[in-house]
N, C-alpha and C. Protein backbone atom coordinates (compact mmCIF):
# COMPACT_ATOMS: atom_id res chain seq x y z
N UNK A 1 87.69 108.86 154.12
CA UNK A 1 86.44 108.11 154.09
C UNK A 1 86.63 106.91 153.38
N UNK A 2 85.80 105.84 153.74
CA UNK A 2 85.81 104.50 153.10
C UNK A 2 84.38 104.29 152.57
N UNK A 3 84.41 104.04 151.16
CA UNK A 3 83.12 103.72 150.56
C UNK A 3 83.14 102.31 150.10
N UNK A 4 82.04 101.53 150.48
CA UNK A 4 81.91 100.20 150.00
C UNK A 4 81.73 100.06 148.60
N UNK A 5 82.33 98.95 147.94
CA UNK A 5 82.16 98.67 146.58
C UNK A 5 81.32 97.42 146.41
N UNK A 6 80.47 97.44 145.59
CA UNK A 6 79.51 96.19 145.35
C UNK A 6 79.61 95.82 144.00
N UNK A 7 79.74 94.46 143.71
CA UNK A 7 79.66 93.89 142.51
C UNK A 7 78.70 92.70 142.49
N UNK A 8 77.65 92.80 141.66
CA UNK A 8 76.61 91.79 141.64
C UNK A 8 75.95 91.56 142.97
N UNK A 9 75.75 92.65 143.68
CA UNK A 9 75.03 92.56 145.01
C UNK A 9 75.90 92.18 146.12
N UNK A 10 77.13 91.91 146.00
CA UNK A 10 78.11 91.62 147.05
C UNK A 10 79.25 92.59 147.23
N UNK A 11 79.54 92.82 148.49
CA UNK A 11 80.65 93.81 148.83
C UNK A 11 81.98 93.21 148.37
N UNK A 12 82.59 93.99 147.47
CA UNK A 12 83.90 93.48 147.03
C UNK A 12 85.08 94.46 147.27
N UNK A 13 85.20 95.04 148.47
CA UNK A 13 86.20 96.00 148.75
C UNK A 13 85.73 97.36 149.00
N UNK A 14 86.66 98.15 149.08
CA UNK A 14 86.31 99.58 149.28
C UNK A 14 87.08 100.66 148.55
N UNK A 15 86.55 101.78 148.42
CA UNK A 15 87.28 102.90 147.83
C UNK A 15 87.64 103.91 148.98
N UNK A 16 88.79 104.09 149.18
CA UNK A 16 89.36 104.95 150.29
C UNK A 16 89.68 106.32 149.71
N UNK A 17 89.21 107.42 150.30
CA UNK A 17 89.54 108.75 149.90
C UNK A 17 90.14 109.44 151.10
N UNK A 18 91.33 109.93 150.88
CA UNK A 18 92.09 110.60 152.05
C UNK A 18 92.38 112.00 151.59
N UNK A 19 91.87 112.96 152.42
CA UNK A 19 92.06 114.44 152.11
C UNK A 19 93.13 115.01 153.11
N UNK A 20 93.60 116.18 152.72
CA UNK A 20 94.62 116.85 153.46
C UNK A 20 94.09 118.39 153.54
N UNK A 21 93.10 118.55 154.46
CA UNK A 21 92.56 119.90 154.55
C UNK A 21 93.46 121.01 155.02
N UNK A 22 94.61 120.75 155.52
CA UNK A 22 95.44 121.75 155.98
C UNK A 22 96.54 122.09 154.86
N UNK A 23 96.50 121.32 153.73
CA UNK A 23 97.46 121.64 152.69
C UNK A 23 97.18 122.78 151.88
N UNK A 24 98.20 123.55 151.36
CA UNK A 24 98.03 124.78 150.73
C UNK A 24 97.61 124.54 149.30
N UNK A 25 97.84 123.41 148.75
CA UNK A 25 97.35 123.11 147.37
C UNK A 25 96.47 121.81 147.40
N UNK A 26 95.91 121.60 146.33
CA UNK A 26 94.98 120.32 146.23
C UNK A 26 95.84 119.07 146.54
N UNK A 27 95.52 118.31 147.42
CA UNK A 27 96.28 117.19 147.84
C UNK A 27 95.38 116.05 148.38
N UNK A 28 95.41 114.84 147.84
CA UNK A 28 94.50 113.71 148.34
C UNK A 28 95.07 112.39 147.76
N UNK A 29 94.54 111.33 148.37
CA UNK A 29 94.87 109.98 147.84
C UNK A 29 93.52 109.20 147.54
N UNK A 30 93.52 108.39 146.48
CA UNK A 30 92.41 107.48 146.23
C UNK A 30 92.96 106.09 146.15
N UNK A 31 92.30 105.11 146.76
CA UNK A 31 92.78 103.84 146.93
C UNK A 31 91.69 102.86 146.67
N UNK A 32 91.90 101.84 145.97
CA UNK A 32 90.96 100.74 145.86
C UNK A 32 91.49 99.58 146.72
N UNK A 33 90.85 99.12 147.71
CA UNK A 33 91.15 98.06 148.63
C UNK A 33 90.35 96.90 148.58
N UNK A 34 90.95 95.68 148.58
CA UNK A 34 90.29 94.41 148.73
C UNK A 34 91.16 93.58 149.52
N UNK A 35 91.05 93.51 150.78
CA UNK A 35 91.88 92.88 151.82
C UNK A 35 93.33 93.49 151.78
N UNK A 36 93.73 94.14 150.70
CA UNK A 36 94.98 94.81 150.68
C UNK A 36 94.75 95.93 149.63
N UNK A 37 95.62 96.99 149.65
CA UNK A 37 95.51 97.95 148.69
C UNK A 37 95.90 97.35 147.22
N UNK A 38 95.05 97.60 146.24
CA UNK A 38 95.29 97.02 145.00
C UNK A 38 95.81 98.08 144.04
N UNK A 39 95.46 99.36 144.31
CA UNK A 39 95.98 100.39 143.50
C UNK A 39 95.72 101.76 144.28
N UNK A 40 96.58 102.77 143.99
CA UNK A 40 96.45 104.04 144.72
C UNK A 40 96.89 105.21 143.89
N UNK A 41 96.19 106.17 143.89
CA UNK A 41 96.49 107.54 143.17
C UNK A 41 96.84 108.51 144.20
N UNK A 42 98.12 109.02 144.32
CA UNK A 42 98.61 109.98 145.20
C UNK A 42 98.63 111.30 144.49
N UNK A 43 97.66 112.18 144.85
CA UNK A 43 97.68 113.49 144.15
C UNK A 43 98.34 114.43 145.13
N UNK A 44 99.67 114.30 145.16
CA UNK A 44 100.44 115.06 146.07
C UNK A 44 101.70 115.57 145.47
N UNK A 45 102.53 116.28 146.19
CA UNK A 45 103.77 116.80 145.67
C UNK A 45 105.01 116.07 146.26
N UNK A 46 104.81 114.81 146.69
CA UNK A 46 105.84 113.93 147.24
C UNK A 46 106.77 113.37 146.18
N UNK A 47 107.91 113.01 146.65
CA UNK A 47 108.88 112.28 145.72
C UNK A 47 109.20 110.98 146.51
N UNK A 48 109.19 109.89 145.70
CA UNK A 48 109.65 108.61 146.38
C UNK A 48 110.12 107.74 145.27
N UNK A 49 111.07 106.84 145.79
CA UNK A 49 111.71 105.97 144.78
C UNK A 49 110.78 104.80 144.40
N UNK A 50 111.01 104.20 143.19
CA UNK A 50 110.33 103.00 142.75
C UNK A 50 111.31 101.88 143.06
N UNK A 51 110.83 100.70 142.72
CA UNK A 51 111.75 99.42 142.99
C UNK A 51 112.84 99.43 142.03
N UNK A 52 113.92 98.84 142.42
CA UNK A 52 115.05 98.69 141.48
C UNK A 52 114.73 97.82 140.38
N UNK A 53 113.99 96.76 140.70
CA UNK A 53 113.48 95.75 139.58
C UNK A 53 112.61 96.59 138.56
N UNK A 54 111.74 97.35 139.08
CA UNK A 54 110.79 98.07 138.14
C UNK A 54 111.50 99.06 137.26
N UNK A 55 112.57 99.70 137.88
CA UNK A 55 113.37 100.66 137.07
C UNK A 55 114.29 99.85 136.05
N UNK A 56 114.92 98.80 136.49
CA UNK A 56 115.93 98.19 135.55
C UNK A 56 115.20 97.49 134.46
N UNK A 57 113.85 97.09 134.71
CA UNK A 57 113.20 96.55 133.56
C UNK A 57 112.33 97.47 132.73
N UNK A 58 112.59 98.76 133.00
CA UNK A 58 111.95 99.84 132.29
C UNK A 58 110.42 100.05 132.47
N UNK A 59 109.94 99.54 133.56
CA UNK A 59 108.52 99.69 133.89
C UNK A 59 108.17 101.09 134.36
N UNK A 60 109.10 101.61 135.21
CA UNK A 60 108.91 102.83 135.93
C UNK A 60 110.20 103.65 136.01
N UNK A 61 110.11 104.99 136.25
CA UNK A 61 111.31 105.77 136.50
C UNK A 61 111.88 105.42 137.84
N UNK A 62 113.18 105.80 138.08
CA UNK A 62 113.73 105.53 139.39
C UNK A 62 113.03 106.29 140.50
N UNK A 63 112.61 107.50 140.16
CA UNK A 63 111.87 108.34 141.24
C UNK A 63 110.65 108.87 140.52
N UNK A 64 109.58 109.14 141.31
CA UNK A 64 108.41 109.95 140.78
C UNK A 64 108.28 111.01 141.80
N UNK A 65 107.88 112.18 141.18
CA UNK A 65 107.68 113.51 141.97
C UNK A 65 106.33 114.04 141.56
N UNK A 66 105.43 114.49 142.52
CA UNK A 66 104.22 115.04 142.18
C UNK A 66 103.21 113.94 142.05
N UNK A 67 101.99 114.28 141.52
CA UNK A 67 101.07 113.19 141.45
C UNK A 67 101.43 111.99 140.66
N UNK A 68 101.08 110.86 141.26
CA UNK A 68 101.60 109.64 140.61
C UNK A 68 100.56 108.50 140.90
N UNK A 69 100.60 107.47 140.17
CA UNK A 69 99.59 106.41 140.15
C UNK A 69 100.32 105.04 140.43
N UNK A 70 99.98 104.39 141.52
CA UNK A 70 100.42 103.02 141.70
C UNK A 70 99.39 102.07 141.20
N UNK A 71 99.47 101.83 139.89
CA UNK A 71 98.36 100.93 139.31
C UNK A 71 98.67 99.54 139.52
N UNK A 72 97.54 98.78 139.37
CA UNK A 72 97.57 97.30 139.54
C UNK A 72 98.54 96.66 138.52
N UNK A 73 98.50 96.98 137.32
CA UNK A 73 99.37 96.31 136.34
C UNK A 73 100.87 96.46 136.66
N UNK A 74 101.35 97.53 137.20
CA UNK A 74 102.81 97.56 137.42
C UNK A 74 103.14 97.12 138.96
N UNK A 75 102.13 96.79 139.68
CA UNK A 75 102.30 96.27 141.08
C UNK A 75 101.93 94.84 141.33
N UNK A 76 101.12 94.23 140.38
CA UNK A 76 100.61 92.88 140.71
C UNK A 76 101.70 91.95 140.84
N UNK A 77 102.87 92.01 140.41
CA UNK A 77 103.98 91.14 140.56
C UNK A 77 104.37 90.97 142.03
N UNK A 78 104.04 91.96 142.85
CA UNK A 78 104.49 91.98 144.28
C UNK A 78 103.39 91.03 144.99
N UNK A 79 102.31 90.72 144.39
CA UNK A 79 101.35 89.85 145.11
C UNK A 79 101.44 88.45 144.85
N UNK A 80 102.25 87.83 145.70
CA UNK A 80 102.55 86.29 145.40
C UNK A 80 102.16 85.47 146.56
N UNK A 81 100.86 85.56 146.93
CA UNK A 81 100.41 84.65 147.95
C UNK A 81 100.98 84.98 149.32
N UNK A 82 101.41 86.16 149.55
CA UNK A 82 102.00 86.56 150.88
C UNK A 82 100.94 86.55 151.90
N UNK A 83 101.44 86.18 153.11
CA UNK A 83 100.43 86.18 154.22
C UNK A 83 100.29 87.60 154.72
N UNK A 84 101.09 88.53 154.40
CA UNK A 84 100.94 89.92 154.68
C UNK A 84 100.82 90.75 153.44
N UNK A 85 99.76 91.48 153.25
CA UNK A 85 99.71 92.33 151.97
C UNK A 85 100.88 93.02 151.62
N UNK A 86 101.39 93.05 150.47
CA UNK A 86 102.61 93.74 150.06
C UNK A 86 102.28 95.25 149.94
N UNK A 87 103.32 95.99 149.85
CA UNK A 87 103.09 97.50 149.56
C UNK A 87 103.04 97.67 148.05
N UNK A 88 102.45 98.82 147.63
CA UNK A 88 102.40 99.17 146.26
C UNK A 88 103.67 99.99 146.06
N UNK A 89 104.78 99.26 145.51
CA UNK A 89 106.13 99.84 145.46
C UNK A 89 106.29 100.81 144.16
N UNK A 90 105.71 100.46 143.08
CA UNK A 90 105.96 101.27 141.93
C UNK A 90 104.76 102.15 141.42
N UNK A 91 105.16 103.34 140.93
CA UNK A 91 104.30 104.24 140.45
C UNK A 91 104.82 104.97 139.15
N UNK A 92 103.79 105.46 138.34
CA UNK A 92 104.11 106.31 137.20
C UNK A 92 103.49 107.67 137.53
N UNK A 93 104.13 108.69 136.90
CA UNK A 93 103.50 110.03 137.02
C UNK A 93 102.11 110.19 136.55
N UNK A 94 101.25 110.77 137.31
CA UNK A 94 99.85 110.88 136.84
C UNK A 94 99.84 112.05 135.83
N UNK A 95 99.56 111.69 134.65
CA UNK A 95 99.60 112.75 133.49
C UNK A 95 98.22 113.07 132.85
N UNK A 96 97.10 112.55 133.48
CA UNK A 96 95.92 112.84 132.96
C UNK A 96 95.47 114.40 132.99
N UNK A 97 94.64 114.79 132.16
CA UNK A 97 94.38 116.29 132.15
C UNK A 97 93.51 116.74 133.41
N UNK A 98 92.85 115.86 134.07
CA UNK A 98 92.00 116.33 135.17
C UNK A 98 92.81 117.04 136.32
N UNK A 99 92.38 118.09 136.65
CA UNK A 99 93.10 118.92 137.73
C UNK A 99 92.23 119.31 138.98
N UNK A 100 90.89 118.72 138.92
CA UNK A 100 90.06 118.94 140.01
C UNK A 100 89.85 117.64 140.76
N UNK A 101 89.38 117.60 142.00
CA UNK A 101 89.19 116.38 142.72
C UNK A 101 88.15 115.54 142.03
N UNK A 102 87.05 116.10 141.50
CA UNK A 102 86.03 115.33 140.88
C UNK A 102 86.50 114.68 139.52
N UNK A 103 87.31 115.50 138.78
CA UNK A 103 87.84 114.92 137.51
C UNK A 103 88.76 113.77 137.76
N UNK A 104 89.67 113.87 138.81
CA UNK A 104 90.66 112.84 139.02
C UNK A 104 89.97 111.54 139.63
N UNK A 105 88.80 111.91 140.48
CA UNK A 105 88.04 110.80 140.99
C UNK A 105 87.39 109.92 139.91
N UNK A 106 86.80 110.59 139.00
CA UNK A 106 86.17 109.98 137.93
C UNK A 106 87.09 109.16 136.98
N UNK A 107 88.27 109.84 136.73
CA UNK A 107 89.29 109.11 135.96
C UNK A 107 89.72 107.76 136.76
N UNK A 108 89.90 107.86 138.02
CA UNK A 108 90.36 106.74 138.97
C UNK A 108 89.24 105.63 138.86
N UNK A 109 88.18 106.14 138.99
CA UNK A 109 86.98 105.09 139.01
C UNK A 109 86.87 104.36 137.66
N UNK A 110 87.06 105.00 136.55
CA UNK A 110 86.98 104.49 135.29
C UNK A 110 88.24 103.55 135.09
N UNK A 111 89.42 103.98 135.54
CA UNK A 111 90.53 103.02 135.36
C UNK A 111 90.52 101.81 136.16
N UNK A 112 89.91 101.85 137.40
CA UNK A 112 89.85 100.67 138.24
C UNK A 112 88.55 99.92 138.20
N UNK A 113 87.79 100.15 137.11
CA UNK A 113 86.49 99.51 136.90
C UNK A 113 85.40 99.72 138.01
N UNK A 114 85.49 100.85 138.52
CA UNK A 114 84.33 101.25 139.46
C UNK A 114 83.34 102.04 138.52
N UNK A 115 82.01 101.59 138.75
CA UNK A 115 81.00 102.09 137.91
C UNK A 115 80.94 103.59 137.95
N UNK A 116 80.68 104.30 136.86
CA UNK A 116 80.60 105.68 136.70
C UNK A 116 79.80 106.34 137.72
N UNK A 117 80.30 107.37 138.33
CA UNK A 117 79.62 108.10 139.36
C UNK A 117 78.54 108.99 138.81
N UNK A 118 77.34 109.05 139.49
CA UNK A 118 76.29 109.94 138.94
C UNK A 118 76.72 111.37 139.23
N UNK A 119 76.13 112.25 138.46
CA UNK A 119 76.48 113.70 138.64
C UNK A 119 76.20 114.19 140.09
N UNK A 120 75.25 113.58 140.72
CA UNK A 120 74.89 113.99 142.03
C UNK A 120 75.66 113.32 143.24
N UNK A 121 76.72 112.58 142.89
CA UNK A 121 77.38 111.94 144.01
C UNK A 121 77.84 112.86 145.00
N UNK A 122 78.11 112.34 146.22
CA UNK A 122 78.47 113.23 147.38
C UNK A 122 79.83 113.03 147.90
N UNK A 123 80.68 112.44 147.14
CA UNK A 123 82.11 112.13 147.42
C UNK A 123 82.96 113.44 147.32
N UNK A 124 83.48 113.82 148.36
CA UNK A 124 84.13 115.11 148.25
C UNK A 124 85.33 115.21 149.34
N UNK A 125 86.16 116.22 149.21
CA UNK A 125 87.17 116.39 150.17
C UNK A 125 86.71 117.33 151.26
N UNK A 126 87.28 117.20 152.52
CA UNK A 126 86.97 118.07 153.55
C UNK A 126 87.35 119.59 153.25
N UNK A 127 86.62 120.54 153.75
CA UNK A 127 87.00 121.99 153.55
C UNK A 127 88.31 122.24 154.21
N UNK A 128 89.01 123.22 153.65
CA UNK A 128 90.36 123.64 154.21
C UNK A 128 90.00 124.09 155.71
N UNK A 129 90.94 123.72 156.66
CA UNK A 129 90.89 124.19 157.99
C UNK A 129 91.13 123.01 158.94
N UNK A 130 90.77 123.29 160.11
CA UNK A 130 90.96 122.19 161.19
C UNK A 130 89.60 122.09 161.99
N UNK A 131 89.50 121.10 162.79
CA UNK A 131 88.38 120.85 163.64
C UNK A 131 88.43 121.85 164.86
N UNK A 132 89.66 122.08 165.40
CA UNK A 132 89.73 122.84 166.62
C UNK A 132 90.36 124.13 166.29
């Protein structure tokens, strides 16, 4: 799902929510996008390498496994006026206490300066299963 973000009455990007309804465990991605991905939280069991530069400068570990966060502060150095949006190369393990989708979503919104969600918000993940 893609949700528009508004600042001062103007659209300023989107919040993307990707669910994995066939996964055996809770698995999803949250991403703030403005022409390019600015940050992404992968609540998954994946392992991936970080950049050599990020590792050698002590910004990130060589690899991250499990839930991890590609935050703007550790990835903004890759945005250098490129004509093509860069990838979010570096991530840190997601260590926040939230273990439900709603708790992680609220944490992500707070960290990325998205206004606090009302208790009645309807952002959710698809139910387990398939369409066919």
